[in-house]
PDB file of N, CA and C in Angstrom:
ATOM      1  N   MET A   1       0.846  -1.176   0.000  1.00  0.00           N
ATOM      2  CA  MET A   1       0.000   0.000   0.000  1.00  0.00           C
ATOM      3  C   MET A   1       0.891   1.238   0.000  1.00  0.00           C
ATOM      4  N   ILE A   2       0.591   2.168  -0.878  1.00  0.00           N
ATOM      5  CA  ILE A   2       1.377   3.387  -1.022  1.00  0.00           C
ATOM      6  C   ILE A   2       0.610   4.551  -0.384  1.00  0.00           C
ATOM      7  N   GLN A   3       1.230   5.211   0.594  1.00  0.00           N
ATOM      8  CA  GLN A   3       0.637   6.388   1.238  1.00  0.00           C
ATOM      9  C   GLN A   3       1.035   7.615   0.431  1.00  0.00           C
ATOM     10  N   ARG A   4       0.071   8.484   0.165  1.00  0.00           N
ATOM     11  CA  ARG A   4       0.348   9.702  -0.595  1.00  0.00           C
ATOM     12  C   ARG A   4      -0.252  10.913   0.108  1.00  0.00           C
ATOM     13  N   GLN A   5       0.417  12.043  -0.084  1.00  0.00           N
ATOM     14  CA  GLN A   5      -0.106  13.328   0.364  1.00  0.00           C
ATOM     15  C   GLN A   5       0.129  14.297  -0.792  1.00  0.00           C
ATOM     16  N   THR A   6      -0.944  14.924  -1.263  1.00  0.00           N
ATOM     17  CA  THR A   6      -0.831  15.815  -2.411  1.00  0.00           C
ATOM     18  C   THR A   6      -1.923  16.864  -2.384  1.00  0.00           C
ATOM     19  N   GLU A   7      -1.677  17.967  -3.078  1.00  0.00           N
ATOM     20  CA  GLU A   7      -2.710  18.973  -3.235  1.00  0.00           C
ATOM     21  C   GLU A   7      -3.657  18.519  -4.335  1.00  0.00           C
ATOM     22  N   ALA A   8      -4.946  18.821  -4.152  1.00  0.00           N
ATOM     23  CA  ALA A   8      -5.953  18.382  -5.109  1.00  0.00           C
ATOM     24  C   ALA A   8      -7.134  19.341  -5.116  1.00  0.00           C
ATOM     25  N   ILE A   9      -7.931  19.238  -6.164  1.00  0.00           N
ATOM     26  CA  ILE A   9      -9.193  19.955  -6.277  1.00  0.00           C
ATOM     27  C   ILE A   9     -10.301  18.907  -6.215  1.00  0.00           C
ATOM     28  N   VAL A  10     -11.277  19.102  -5.348  1.00  0.00           N
ATOM     29  CA  VAL A  10     -12.426  18.188  -5.279  1.00  0.00           C
ATOM     30  C   VAL A  10     -13.308  18.482  -6.484  1.00  0.00           C
ATOM     31  N   LEU A  11     -13.534  17.457  -7.312  1.00  0.00           N
ATOM     32  CA  LEU A  11     -14.357  17.627  -8.505  1.00  0.00           C
ATOM     33  C   LEU A  11     -15.825  17.304  -8.250  1.00  0.00           C
ATOM     34  N   ARG A  12     -16.062  16.195  -7.557  1.00  0.00           N
ATOM     35  CA  ARG A  12     -17.437  15.735  -7.361  1.00  0.00           C
ATOM     36  C   ARG A  12     -17.483  14.703  -6.239  1.00  0.00           C
ATOM     37  N   THR A  13     -18.641  14.573  -5.609  1.00  0.00           N
ATOM     38  CA  THR A  13     -18.837  13.546  -4.576  1.00  0.00           C
ATOM     39  C   THR A  13     -20.162  12.828  -4.823  1.00  0.00           C
ATOM     40  N   TRP A  14     -20.210  11.563  -4.393  1.00  0.00           N
ATOM     41  CA  TRP A  14     -21.422  10.749  -4.476  1.00  0.00           C
ATOM     42  C   TRP A  14     -21.605  10.027  -3.154  1.00  0.00           C
ATOM     43  N   PRO A  15     -22.824   9.964  -2.630  1.00  0.00           N
ATOM     44  CA  PRO A  15     -23.067   9.162  -1.430  1.00  0.00           C
ATOM     45  C   PRO A  15     -22.851   7.684  -1.750  1.00  0.00           C
ATOM     46  N   PHE A  16     -22.350   6.946  -0.763  1.00  0.00           N
ATOM     47  CA  PHE A  16     -22.072   5.520  -0.947  1.00  0.00           C
ATOM     48  C   PHE A  16     -22.362   4.822   0.370  1.00  0.00           C
ATOM     49  N   HIS A  17     -23.245   3.856   0.343  1.00  0.00           N
ATOM     50  CA  HIS A  17     -23.715   3.176   1.552  1.00  0.00           C
ATOM     51  C   HIS A  17     -24.310   4.198   2.528  1.00  0.00           C
ATOM     52  N   GLU A  18     -24.266   3.888   3.811  1.00  0.00           N
ATOM     53  CA  GLU A  18     -24.936   4.746   4.790  1.00  0.00           C
ATOM     54  C   GLU A  18     -24.206   6.053   5.066  1.00  0.00           C
ATOM     55  N   SER A  19     -22.902   5.986   5.255  1.00  0.00           N
ATOM     56  CA  SER A  19     -22.187   7.197   5.658  1.00  0.00           C
ATOM     57  C   SER A  19     -20.907   7.452   4.863  1.00  0.00           C
ATOM     58  N   ASP A  20     -20.611   6.624   3.861  1.00  0.00           N
ATOM     59  CA  ASP A  20     -19.399   6.801   3.060  1.00  0.00           C
ATOM     60  C   ASP A  20     -19.688   7.688   1.856  1.00  0.00           C
ATOM     61  N   MET A  21     -18.604   8.185   1.256  1.00  0.00           N
ATOM     62  CA  MET A  21     -18.740   8.972   0.031  1.00  0.00           C
ATOM     63  C   MET A  21     -17.658   8.551  -0.951  1.00  0.00           C
ATOM     64  N   ILE A  22     -18.009   8.546  -2.223  1.00  0.00           N
ATOM     65  CA  ILE A  22     -17.013   8.405  -3.274  1.00  0.00           C
ATOM     66  C   ILE A  22     -16.667   9.819  -3.707  1.00  0.00           C
ATOM     67  N   VAL A  23     -15.366  10.100  -3.816  1.00  0.00           N
ATOM     68  CA  VAL A  23     -14.893  11.452  -4.120  1.00  0.00           C
ATOM     69  C   VAL A  23     -13.990  11.407  -5.350  1.00  0.00           C
ATOM     70  N   SER A  24     -14.235  12.317  -6.271  1.00  0.00           N
ATOM     71  CA  SER A  24     -13.397  12.471  -7.452  1.00  0.00           C
ATOM     72  C   SER A  24     -12.517  13.698  -7.237  1.00  0.00           C
ATOM     73  N   LEU A  25     -11.197  13.516  -7.390  1.00  0.00           N
ATOM     74  CA  LEU A  25     -10.216  14.581  -7.174  1.00  0.00           C
ATOM     75  C   LEU A  25      -9.389  14.794  -8.431  1.00  0.00           C
ATOM     76  N   PHE A  26      -8.855  15.983  -8.578  1.00  0.00           N
ATOM     77  CA  PHE A  26      -7.868  16.228  -9.624  1.00  0.00           C
ATOM     78  C   PHE A  26      -6.567  16.632  -8.955  1.00  0.00           C
ATOM     79  N   THR A  27      -5.496  15.877  -9.233  1.00  0.00           N
ATOM     80  CA  THR A  27      -4.180  16.173  -8.669  1.00  0.00           C
ATOM     81  C   THR A  27      -3.215  16.515  -9.796  1.00  0.00           C
ATOM     82  N   ARG A  28      -2.226  17.292  -9.491  1.00  0.00           N
ATOM     83  CA  ARG A  28      -1.224  17.666 -10.493  1.00  0.00           C
ATOM     84  C   ARG A  28      -0.356  16.460 -10.869  1.00  0.00           C
ATOM     85  N   GLU A  29      -0.008  15.643  -9.886  1.00  0.00           N
ATOM     86  CA  GLU A  29       0.904  14.528 -10.128  1.00  0.00           C
ATOM     87  C   GLU A  29       0.230  13.331 -10.794  1.00  0.00           C
ATOM     88  N   GLN A  30      -1.007  13.020 -10.408  1.00  0.00           N
ATOM     89  CA  GLN A  30      -1.643  11.795 -10.877  1.00  0.00           C
ATOM     90  C   GLN A  30      -2.900  12.018 -11.704  1.00  0.00           C
ATOM     91  N   GLY A  31      -3.264  13.253 -11.938  1.00  0.00           N
ATOM     92  CA  GLY A  31      -4.476  13.517 -12.697  1.00  0.00           C
ATOM     93  C   GLY A  31      -5.716  13.225 -11.880  1.00  0.00           C
ATOM     94  N   LYS A  32      -6.698  12.607 -12.502  1.00  0.00           N
ATOM     95  CA  LYS A  32      -7.960  12.331 -11.817  1.00  0.00           C
ATOM     96  C   LYS A  32      -7.812  11.087 -10.943  1.00  0.00           C
ATOM     97  N   VAL A  33      -8.230  11.229  -9.690  1.00  0.00           N
ATOM     98  CA  VAL A  33      -8.169  10.141  -8.712  1.00  0.00           C
ATOM     99  C   VAL A  33      -9.550  10.005  -8.089  1.00  0.00           C
ATOM    100  N   LYS A  34     -10.043   8.776  -7.975  1.00  0.00           N
ATOM    101  CA  LYS A  34     -11.309   8.530  -7.288  1.00  0.00           C
ATOM    102  C   LYS A  34     -11.027   7.679  -6.064  1.00  0.00           C
ATOM    103  N   GLY A  35     -11.748   7.992  -4.977  1.00  0.00           N
ATOM    104  CA  GLY A  35     -11.530   7.237  -3.759  1.00  0.00           C
ATOM    105  C   GLY A  35     -12.751   7.194  -2.877  1.00  0.00           C
ATOM    106  N   ILE A  36     -12.659   6.356  -1.850  1.00  0.00           N
ATOM    107  CA  ILE A  36     -13.736   6.216  -0.872  1.00  0.00           C
ATOM    108  C   ILE A  36     -13.327   6.908   0.418  1.00  0.00           C
ATOM    109  N   ALA A  37     -14.195   7.797   0.870  1.00  0.00           N
ATOM    110  CA  ALA A  37     -14.018   8.478   2.153  1.00  0.00           C
ATOM    111  C   ALA A  37     -14.959   7.798   3.141  1.00  0.00           C
ATOM    112  N   ARG A  38     -14.428   6.882   3.929  1.00  0.00           N
ATOM    113  CA  ARG A  38     -15.231   6.127   4.885  1.00  0.00           C
ATOM    114  C   ARG A  38     -15.781   7.049   5.970  1.00  0.00           C
ATOM    115  N   ALA A  39     -17.055   6.885   6.280  1.00  0.00           N
ATOM    116  CA  ALA A  39     -17.752   7.645   7.323  1.00  0.00           C
ATOM    117  C   ALA A  39     -17.666   9.156   7.111  1.00  0.00           C
ATOM    118  N   ALA A  40     -17.534   9.582   5.863  1.00  0.00           N
ATOM    119  CA  ALA A  40     -17.384  11.008   5.566  1.00  0.00           C
ATOM    120  C   ALA A  40     -18.607  11.823   5.945  1.00  0.00           C
ATOM    121  N   MET A  41     -19.778  11.216   5.901  1.00  0.00           N
ATOM    122  CA  MET A  41     -20.984  11.961   6.255  1.00  0.00           C
ATOM    123  C   MET A  41     -21.156  12.073   7.768  1.00  0.00           C
ATOM    124  N   LYS A  42     -20.379  11.313   8.527  1.00  0.00           N
ATOM    125  CA  LYS A  42     -20.449  11.368   9.991  1.00  0.00           C
ATOM    126  C   LYS A  42     -19.259  12.117  10.589  1.00  0.00           C
ATOM    127  N   SER A  43     -18.082  11.975   9.983  1.00  0.00           N
ATOM    128  CA  SER A  43     -16.853  12.506  10.558  1.00  0.00           C
ATOM    129  C   SER A  43     -16.543  13.910  10.066  1.00  0.00           C
ATOM    130  N   ARG A  44     -16.691  14.898  10.917  1.00  0.00           N
ATOM    131  CA  ARG A  44     -16.304  16.267  10.590  1.00  0.00           C
ATOM    132  C   ARG A  44     -14.809  16.475  10.839  1.00  0.00           C
ATOM    133  N   LYS A  45     -14.213  15.611  11.653  1.00  0.00           N
ATOM    134  CA  LYS A  45     -12.805  15.770  12.008  1.00  0.00           C
ATOM    135  C   LYS A  45     -11.884  15.520  10.805  1.00  0.00           C
ATOM    136  N   ARG A  46     -12.147  14.478  10.033  1.00  0.00           N
ATOM    137  CA  ARG A  46     -11.256  14.125   8.931  1.00  0.00           C
ATOM    138  C   ARG A  46     -11.522  14.894   7.645  1.00  0.00           C
ATOM    139  N   PHE A  47     -12.775  15.248   7.399  1.00  0.00           N
ATOM    140  CA  PHE A  47     -13.107  15.868   6.125  1.00  0.00           C
ATOM    141  C   PHE A  47     -13.767  17.232   6.255  1.00  0.00           C
ATOM    142  N   GLY A  48     -14.528  17.462   7.303  1.00  0.00           N
ATOM    143  CA  GLY A  48     -15.166  18.762   7.518  1.00  0.00           C
ATOM    144  C   GLY A  48     -15.921  19.231   6.291  1.00  0.00           C
ATOM    145  N   GLY A  49     -15.698  20.467   5.886  1.00  0.00           N
ATOM    146  CA  GLY A  49     -16.343  21.019   4.699  1.00  0.00           C
ATOM    147  C   GLY A  49     -15.520  20.845   3.440  1.00  0.00           C
ATOM    148  N   ALA A  50     -14.522  19.988   3.484  1.00  0.00           N
ATOM    149  CA  ALA A  50     -13.596  19.841   2.366  1.00  0.00           C
ATOM    150  C   ALA A  50     -14.168  19.069   1.184  1.00  0.00           C
ATOM    151  N   LEU A  51     -15.372  18.540   1.303  1.00  0.00           N
ATOM    152  CA  LEU A  51     -15.941  17.739   0.223  1.00  0.00           C
ATOM    153  C   LEU A  51     -16.810  18.541  -0.738  1.00  0.00           C
ATOM    154  N   GLU A  52     -16.792  19.867  -0.610  1.00  0.00           N
ATOM    155  CA  GLU A  52     -17.519  20.718  -1.538  1.00  0.00           C
ATOM    156  C   GLU A  52     -16.785  20.735  -2.881  1.00  0.00           C
ATOM    157  N   PRO A  53     -17.518  20.657  -4.004  1.00  0.00           N
ATOM    158  CA  PRO A  53     -16.858  20.713  -5.312  1.00  0.00           C
ATOM    159  C   PRO A  53     -16.019  21.979  -5.475  1.00  0.00           C
ATOM    160  N   MET A  54     -14.873  21.833  -6.122  1.00  0.00           N
ATOM    161  CA  MET A  54     -13.911  22.880  -6.449  1.00  0.00           C
ATOM    162  C   MET A  54     -13.140  23.416  -5.239  1.00  0.00           C
ATOM    163  N   THR A  55     -13.187  22.714  -4.121  1.00  0.00           N
ATOM    164  CA  THR A  55     -12.398  23.094  -2.955  1.00  0.00           C
ATOM    165  C   THR A  55     -10.966  22.586  -3.134  1.00  0.00           C
ATOM    166  N   HIS A  56      -9.993  23.440  -2.848  1.00  0.00           N
ATOM    167  CA  HIS A  56      -8.571  23.098  -2.944  1.00  0.00           C
ATOM    168  C   HIS A  56      -8.148  22.489  -1.602  1.00  0.00           C
ATOM    169  N   VAL A  57      -7.652  21.247  -1.639  1.00  0.00           N
ATOM    170  CA  VAL A  57      -7.339  20.523  -0.401  1.00  0.00           C
ATOM    171  C   VAL A  57      -5.951  19.903  -0.460  1.00  0.00           C
ATOM    172  N   ARG A  58      -5.433  19.546   0.700  1.00  0.00           N
ATOM    173  CA  ARG A  58      -4.272  18.659   0.798  1.00  0.00           C
ATOM    174  C   ARG A  58      -4.851  17.307   1.190  1.00  0.00           C
ATOM    175  N   ALA A  59      -4.761  16.353   0.288  1.00  0.00           N
ATOM    176  CA  ALA A  59      -5.377  15.041   0.483  1.00  0.00           C
ATOM    177  C   ALA A  59      -4.350  14.027   0.960  1.00  0.00           C
ATOM    178  N   ASN A  60      -4.730  13.269   1.983  1.00  0.00           N
ATOM    179  CA  ASN A  60      -3.935  12.136   2.454  1.00  0.00           C
ATOM    180  C   ASN A  60      -4.707  10.878   2.085  1.00  0.00           C
ATOM    181  N   TYR A  61      -4.072   9.996   1.318  1.00  0.00           N
ATOM    182  CA  TYR A  61      -4.762   8.781   0.903  1.00  0.00           C
ATOM    183  C   TYR A  61      -3.791   7.627   0.697  1.00  0.00           C
ATOM    184  N   ALA A  62      -4.361   6.430   0.666  1.00  0.00           N
ATOM    185  CA  ALA A  62      -3.578   5.215   0.455  1.00  0.00           C
ATOM    186  C   ALA A  62      -4.076   4.539  -0.813  1.00  0.00           C
ATOM    187  N   GLU A  63      -3.122   4.010  -1.565  1.00  0.00           N
ATOM    188  CA  GLU A  63      -3.457   3.402  -2.835  1.00  0.00           C
ATOM    189  C   GLU A  63      -2.857   2.002  -2.898  1.00  0.00           C
ATOM    190  N   LYS A  64      -3.671   1.062  -3.347  1.00  0.00           N
ATOM    191  CA  LYS A  64      -3.208  -0.312  -3.540  1.00  0.00           C
ATOM    192  C   LYS A  64      -3.078  -0.566  -5.037  1.00  0.00           C
ATOM    193  N   PRO A  65      -2.044  -1.306  -5.432  1.00  0.00           N
ATOM    194  CA  PRO A  65      -1.900  -1.622  -6.853  1.00  0.00           C
ATOM    195  C   PRO A  65      -3.124  -2.376  -7.381  1.00  0.00           C
ATOM    196  N   LYS A  66      -3.476  -2.078  -8.611  1.00  0.00           N
ATOM    197  CA  LYS A  66      -4.563  -2.761  -9.325  1.00  0.00           C
ATOM    198  C   LYS A  66      -5.948  -2.516  -8.741  1.00  0.00           C
ATOM    199  N   GLN A  67      -6.119  -1.441  -7.966  1.00  0.00           N
ATOM    200  CA  GLN A  67      -7.445  -1.068  -7.478  1.00  0.00           C
ATOM    201  C   GLN A  67      -7.808   0.299  -8.037  1.00  0.00           C
ATOM    202  N   ASP A  68      -9.067   0.425  -8.472  1.00  0.00           N
ATOM    203  CA  ASP A  68      -9.511   1.675  -9.081  1.00  0.00           C
ATOM    204  C   ASP A  68      -9.715   2.788  -8.063  1.00  0.00           C
ATOM    205  N   LEU A  69     -10.179   2.445  -6.869  1.00  0.00           N
ATOM    206  CA  LEU A  69     -10.465   3.447  -5.844  1.00  0.00           C
ATOM    207  C   LEU A  69      -9.381   3.455  -4.778  1.00  0.00           C
ATOM    208  N   VAL A  70      -8.972   4.655  -4.365  1.00  0.00           N
ATOM    209  CA  VAL A  70      -8.015   4.790  -3.267  1.00  0.00           C
ATOM    210  C   VAL A  70      -8.792   4.934  -1.962  1.00  0.00           C
ATOM    211  N   ARG A  71      -8.114   4.777  -0.834  1.00  0.00           N
ATOM    212  CA  ARG A  71      -8.734   5.003   0.479  1.00  0.00           C
ATOM    213  C   ARG A  71      -8.361   6.412   0.933  1.00  0.00           C
ATOM    214  N   LEU A  72      -9.356   7.286   0.997  1.00  0.00           N
ATOM    215  CA  LEU A  72      -9.120   8.665   1.424  1.00  0.00           C
ATOM    216  C   LEU A  72      -9.106   8.721   2.945  1.00  0.00           C
ATOM    217  N   ASP A  73      -8.006   9.192   3.515  1.00  0.00           N
ATOM    218  CA  ASP A  73      -7.853   9.227   4.969  1.00  0.00           C
ATOM    219  C   ASP A  73      -8.259  10.563   5.573  1.00  0.00           C
ATOM    220  N   SER A  74      -7.829  11.676   4.973  1.00  0.00           N
ATOM    221  CA  SER A  74      -8.183  12.993   5.500  1.00  0.00           C
ATOM    222  C   SER A  74      -7.889  14.066   4.462  1.00  0.00           C
ATOM    223  N   PHE A  75      -8.561  15.208   4.624  1.00  0.00           N
ATOM    224  CA  PHE A  75      -8.330  16.384   3.785  1.00  0.00           C
ATOM    225  C   PHE A  75      -8.052  17.570   4.691  1.00  0.00           C
ATOM    226  N   GLU A  76      -7.159  18.427   4.264  1.00  0.00           N
ATOM    227  CA  GLU A  76      -6.940  19.725   4.903  1.00  0.00           C
ATOM    228  C   GLU A  76      -7.324  20.776   3.876  1.00  0.00           C
ATOM    229  N   ILE A  77      -8.221  21.662   4.234  1.00  0.00           N
ATOM    230  CA  ILE A  77      -8.674  22.682   3.290  1.00  0.00           C
ATOM    231  C   ILE A  77      -7.591  23.745   3.127  1.00  0.00           C
ATOM    232  N   LEU A  78      -7.214  23.991   1.879  1.00  0.00           N
ATOM    233  CA  LEU A  78      -6.261  25.051   1.565  1.00  0.00           C
ATOM    234  C   LEU A  78      -6.984  26.309   1.089  1.00  0.00           C
ATOM    235  N   ARG A  79      -8.098  26.083   0.359  1.00  0.00           N
ATOM    236  CA  ARG A  79      -8.886  27.214  -0.126  1.00  0.00           C
ATOM    237  C   ARG A  79     -10.290  26.722  -0.475  1.00  0.00           C
ATOM    238  N   TYR A  80     -11.282  27.422   0.043  1.00  0.00           N
ATOM    239  CA  TYR A  80     -12.675  27.075  -0.241  1.00  0.00           C
ATOM    240  C   TYR A  80     -13.061  27.544  -1.635  1.00  0.00           C
ATOM    241  N   ALA A  81     -13.930  26.805  -2.296  1.00  0.00           N
ATOM    242  CA  ALA A  81     -14.437  27.202  -3.605  1.00  0.00           C
ATOM    243  C   ALA A  81     -15.193  28.520  -3.504  1.00  0.00           C
ATOM    244  N   GLN A  82     -15.931  28.723  -2.437  1.00  0.00           N
ATOM    245  CA  GLN A  82     -16.725  29.936  -2.278  1.00  0.00           C
ATOM    246  C   GLN A  82     -15.849  31.180  -2.146  1.00  0.00           C
ATOM    247  N   ASP A  83     -14.580  31.014  -1.752  1.00  0.00           N
ATOM    248  CA  ASP A  83     -13.667  32.163  -1.651  1.00  0.00           C
ATOM    249  C   ASP A  83     -13.467  32.834  -2.998  1.00  0.00           C
ATOM    250  N   ASP A  84     -13.625  32.063  -4.080  1.00  0.00           N
ATOM    251  CA  ASP A  84     -13.430  32.579  -5.425  1.00  0.00           C
ATOM    252  C   ASP A  84     -14.739  32.873  -6.133  1.00  0.00           C
ATOM    253  N   GLY A  85     -15.865  32.746  -5.408  1.00  0.00           N
ATOM    254  CA  GLY A  85     -17.158  32.933  -6.044  1.00  0.00           C
ATOM    255  C   GLY A  85     -17.502  31.812  -7.000  1.00  0.00           C
ATOM    256  N   MET A  86     -16.929  30.640  -6.760  1.00  0.00           N
ATOM    257  CA  MET A  86     -17.155  29.504  -7.650  1.00  0.00           C
ATOM    258  C   MET A  86     -18.447  28.795  -7.274  1.00  0.00           C
ATOM    259  N   VAL A  87     -18.775  27.742  -8.002  1.00  0.00           N
ATOM    260  CA  VAL A  87     -20.023  27.024  -7.799  1.00  0.00           C
ATOM    261  C   VAL A  87     -20.084  26.359  -6.433  1.00  0.00           C
ATOM    262  N   GLY A  88     -21.289  26.152  -5.939  1.00  0.00           N
ATOM    263  CA  GLY A  88     -21.512  25.450  -4.688  1.00  0.00           C
ATOM    264  C   GLY A  88     -22.117  24.081  -4.947  1.00  0.00           C
ATOM    265  N   ILE A  89     -22.309  23.311  -3.905  1.00  0.00           N
ATOM    266  CA  ILE A  89     -22.794  21.941  -4.034  1.00  0.00           C
ATOM    267  C   ILE A  89     -24.185  21.866  -4.640  1.00  0.00           C
ATOM    268  N   ASP A  90     -25.042  22.868  -4.426  1.00  0.00           N
ATOM    269  CA  ASP A  90     -26.400  22.832  -4.950  1.00  0.00           C
ATOM    270  C   ASP A  90     -26.493  23.387  -6.364  1.00  0.00           C
ATOM    271  N   ASP A  91     -25.411  23.897  -6.886  1.00  0.00           N
ATOM    272  CA  ASP A  91     -25.403  24.464  -8.227  1.00  0.00           C
ATOM    273  C   ASP A  91     -25.439  23.335  -9.256  1.00  0.00           C
ATOM    274  N   PRO A  92     -26.309  23.406 -10.269  1.00  0.00           N
ATOM    275  CA  PRO A  92     -26.378  22.343 -11.269  1.00  0.00           C
ATOM    276  C   PRO A  92     -25.111  22.214 -12.108  1.00  0.00           C
ATOM    277  N   THR A  93     -24.233  23.212 -12.080  1.00  0.00           N
ATOM    278  CA  THR A  93     -22.991  23.133 -12.840  1.00  0.00           C
ATOM    279  C   THR A  93     -21.841  22.566 -12.010  1.00  0.00           C
ATOM    280  N   ALA A  94     -22.111  22.088 -10.806  1.00  0.00           N
ATOM    281  CA  ALA A  94     -21.055  21.655  -9.892  1.00  0.00           C
ATOM    282  C   ALA A  94     -20.249  20.480 -10.406  1.00  0.00           C
ATOM    283  N   ASP A  95     -20.800  19.651 -11.274  1.00  0.00           N
ATOM    284  CA  ASP A  95     -20.040  18.494 -11.747  1.00  0.00           C
ATOM    285  C   ASP A  95     -19.306  18.765 -13.057  1.00  0.00           C
ATOM    286  N   ARG A  96     -19.236  19.999 -13.505  1.00  0.00           N
ATOM    287  CA  ARG A  96     -18.535  20.312 -14.749  1.00  0.00           C
ATOM    288  C   ARG A  96     -17.040  20.049 -14.655  1.00  0.00           C
ATOM    289  N   GLY A  97     -16.453  20.254 -13.486  1.00  0.00           N
ATOM    290  CA  GLY A  97     -15.032  19.961 -13.319  1.00  0.00           C
ATOM    291  C   GLY A  97     -14.750  18.490 -13.528  1.00  0.00           C
ATOM    292  N   ASP A  98     -15.626  17.630 -13.043  1.00  0.00           N
ATOM    293  CA  ASP A  98     -15.475  16.192 -13.218  1.00  0.00           C
ATOM    294  C   ASP A  98     -15.605  15.820 -14.693  1.00  0.00           C
ATOM    295  N   ARG A  99     -16.579  16.410 -15.360  1.00  0.00           N
ATOM    296  CA  ARG A  99     -16.766  16.137 -16.793  1.00  0.00           C
ATOM    297  C   ARG A  99     -15.576  16.627 -17.605  1.00  0.00           C
ATOM    298  N   PHE A 100     -15.062  17.815 -17.262  1.00  0.00           N
ATOM    299  CA  PHE A 100     -13.903  18.352 -17.954  1.00  0.00           C
ATOM    300  C   PHE A 100     -12.712  17.407 -17.812  1.00  0.00           C
ATOM    301  N   ALA A 101     -12.492  16.904 -16.604  1.00  0.00           N
ATOM    302  CA  ALA A 101     -11.373  15.993 -16.377  1.00  0.00           C
ATOM    303  C   ALA A 101     -11.530  14.720 -17.202  1.00  0.00           C
ATOM    304  N   ASP A 102     -12.742  14.208 -17.336  1.00  0.00           N
ATOM    305  CA  ASP A 102     -12.974  13.009 -18.135  1.00  0.00           C
ATOM    306  C   ASP A 102     -12.646  13.232 -19.607  1.00  0.00           C
ATOM    307  N   VAL A 103     -12.952  14.411 -20.119  1.00  0.00           N
ATOM    308  CA  VAL A 103     -12.755  14.692 -21.539  1.00  0.00           C
ATOM    309  C   VAL A 103     -11.331  15.141 -21.828  1.00  0.00           C
ATOM    310  N   ALA A 104     -10.797  16.044 -21.020  1.00  0.00           N
ATOM    311  CA  ALA A 104      -9.507  16.664 -21.317  1.00  0.00           C
ATOM    312  C   ALA A 104      -8.305  15.805 -20.959  1.00  0.00           C
ATOM    313  N   LEU A 105      -8.337  15.124 -19.829  1.00  0.00           N
ATOM    314  CA  LEU A 105      -7.151  14.397 -19.375  1.00  0.00           C
ATOM    315  C   LEU A 105      -6.673  13.316 -20.324  1.00  0.00           C
ATOM    316  N   PRO A 106      -7.542  12.538 -20.971  1.00  0.00           N
ATOM    317  CA  PRO A 106      -7.019  11.541 -21.912  1.00  0.00           C
ATOM    318  C   PRO A 106      -6.263  12.151 -23.083  1.00  0.00           C
ATOM    319  N   ARG A 107      -6.474  13.426 -23.373  1.00  0.00           N
ATOM    320  CA  ARG A 107      -5.824  14.089 -24.498  1.00  0.00           C
ATOM    321  C   ARG A 107      -4.505  14.760 -24.113  1.00  0.00           C
ATOM    322  N   VAL A 108      -4.212  14.827 -22.823  1.00  0.00           N
ATOM    323  CA  VAL A 108      -3.008  15.509 -22.359  1.00  0.00           C
ATOM    324  C   VAL A 108      -1.991  14.468 -21.898  1.00  0.00           C
ATOM    325  N   ARG A 109      -0.829  14.508 -22.482  1.00  0.00           N
ATOM    326  CA  ARG A 109       0.248  13.594 -22.101  1.00  0.00           C
ATOM    327  C   ARG A 109       1.527  14.403 -21.911  1.00  0.00           C
ATOM    328  N   HIS A 110       2.085  14.359 -20.737  1.00  0.00           N
ATOM    329  CA  HIS A 110       3.362  15.008 -20.427  1.00  0.00           C
ATOM    330  C   HIS A 110       3.377  16.481 -20.826  1.00  0.00           C
ATOM    331  N   GLY A 111       2.284  17.183 -20.521  1.00  0.00           N
ATOM    332  CA  GLY A 111       2.222  18.609 -20.775  1.00  0.00           C
ATOM    333  C   GLY A 111       1.883  18.995 -22.195  1.00  0.00           C
ATOM    334  N   ARG A 112       1.604  18.014 -23.060  1.00  0.00           N
ATOM    335  CA  ARG A 112       1.257  18.314 -24.451  1.00  0.00           C
ATOM    336  C   ARG A 112      -0.135  17.797 -24.748  1.00  0.00           C
ATOM    337  N   VAL A 113      -0.837  18.517 -25.577  1.00  0.00           N
ATOM    338  CA  VAL A 113      -2.182  18.114 -25.957  1.00  0.00           C
ATOM    339  C   VAL A 113      -2.097  17.272 -27.229  1.00  0.00           C
ATOM    340  N   ALA A 114      -2.710  16.094 -27.188  1.00  0.00           N
ATOM    341  CA  ALA A 114      -2.756  15.222 -28.358  1.00  0.00           C
ATOM    342  C   ALA A 114      -3.957  15.635 -29.198  1.00  0.00           C
ATOM    343  N   VAL A 115      -3.711  16.094 -30.422  1.00  0.00           N
ATOM    344  CA  VAL A 115      -4.782  16.534 -31.308  1.00  0.00           C
ATOM    345  C   VAL A 115      -5.016  15.436 -32.333  1.00  0.00           C
ATOM    346  N   HIS A 116      -6.273  15.005 -32.414  1.00  0.00           N
ATOM    347  CA  HIS A 116      -6.633  13.966 -33.377  1.00  0.00           C
ATOM    348  C   HIS A 116      -7.367  14.612 -34.537  1.00  0.00           C
ATOM    349  N   ALA A 117      -6.882  14.395 -35.736  1.00  0.00           N
ATOM    350  CA  ALA A 117      -7.537  14.984 -36.926  1.00  0.00           C
ATOM    351  C   ALA A 117      -8.597  14.053 -37.471  1.00  0.00           C
TER     352      ALA A 117
END
């Protein structure tokens, strides 16, 4: 298991089971990362308000080889999305960052955009 700590932008969240959440993040080093935040709807200590879309966080997570989802351990808020007048959780455009990452990231390799004619 590889422990990682990196800055990330929260793209989107989905409820999962009773109190867990699936979280989509964008990181500079690894691109789009999806993970499970166990008891995120109950624990204010580990995640607090950091699960709002477009919030800039320092994410601590563990990753196992050959698994699609990482285990999200905690977030530290670096900057709230609302500080920039950006979208909030109830805004219908809140998942645009997640959609953008799905479309744009496959076309970007090592800082260059792959253009298909």
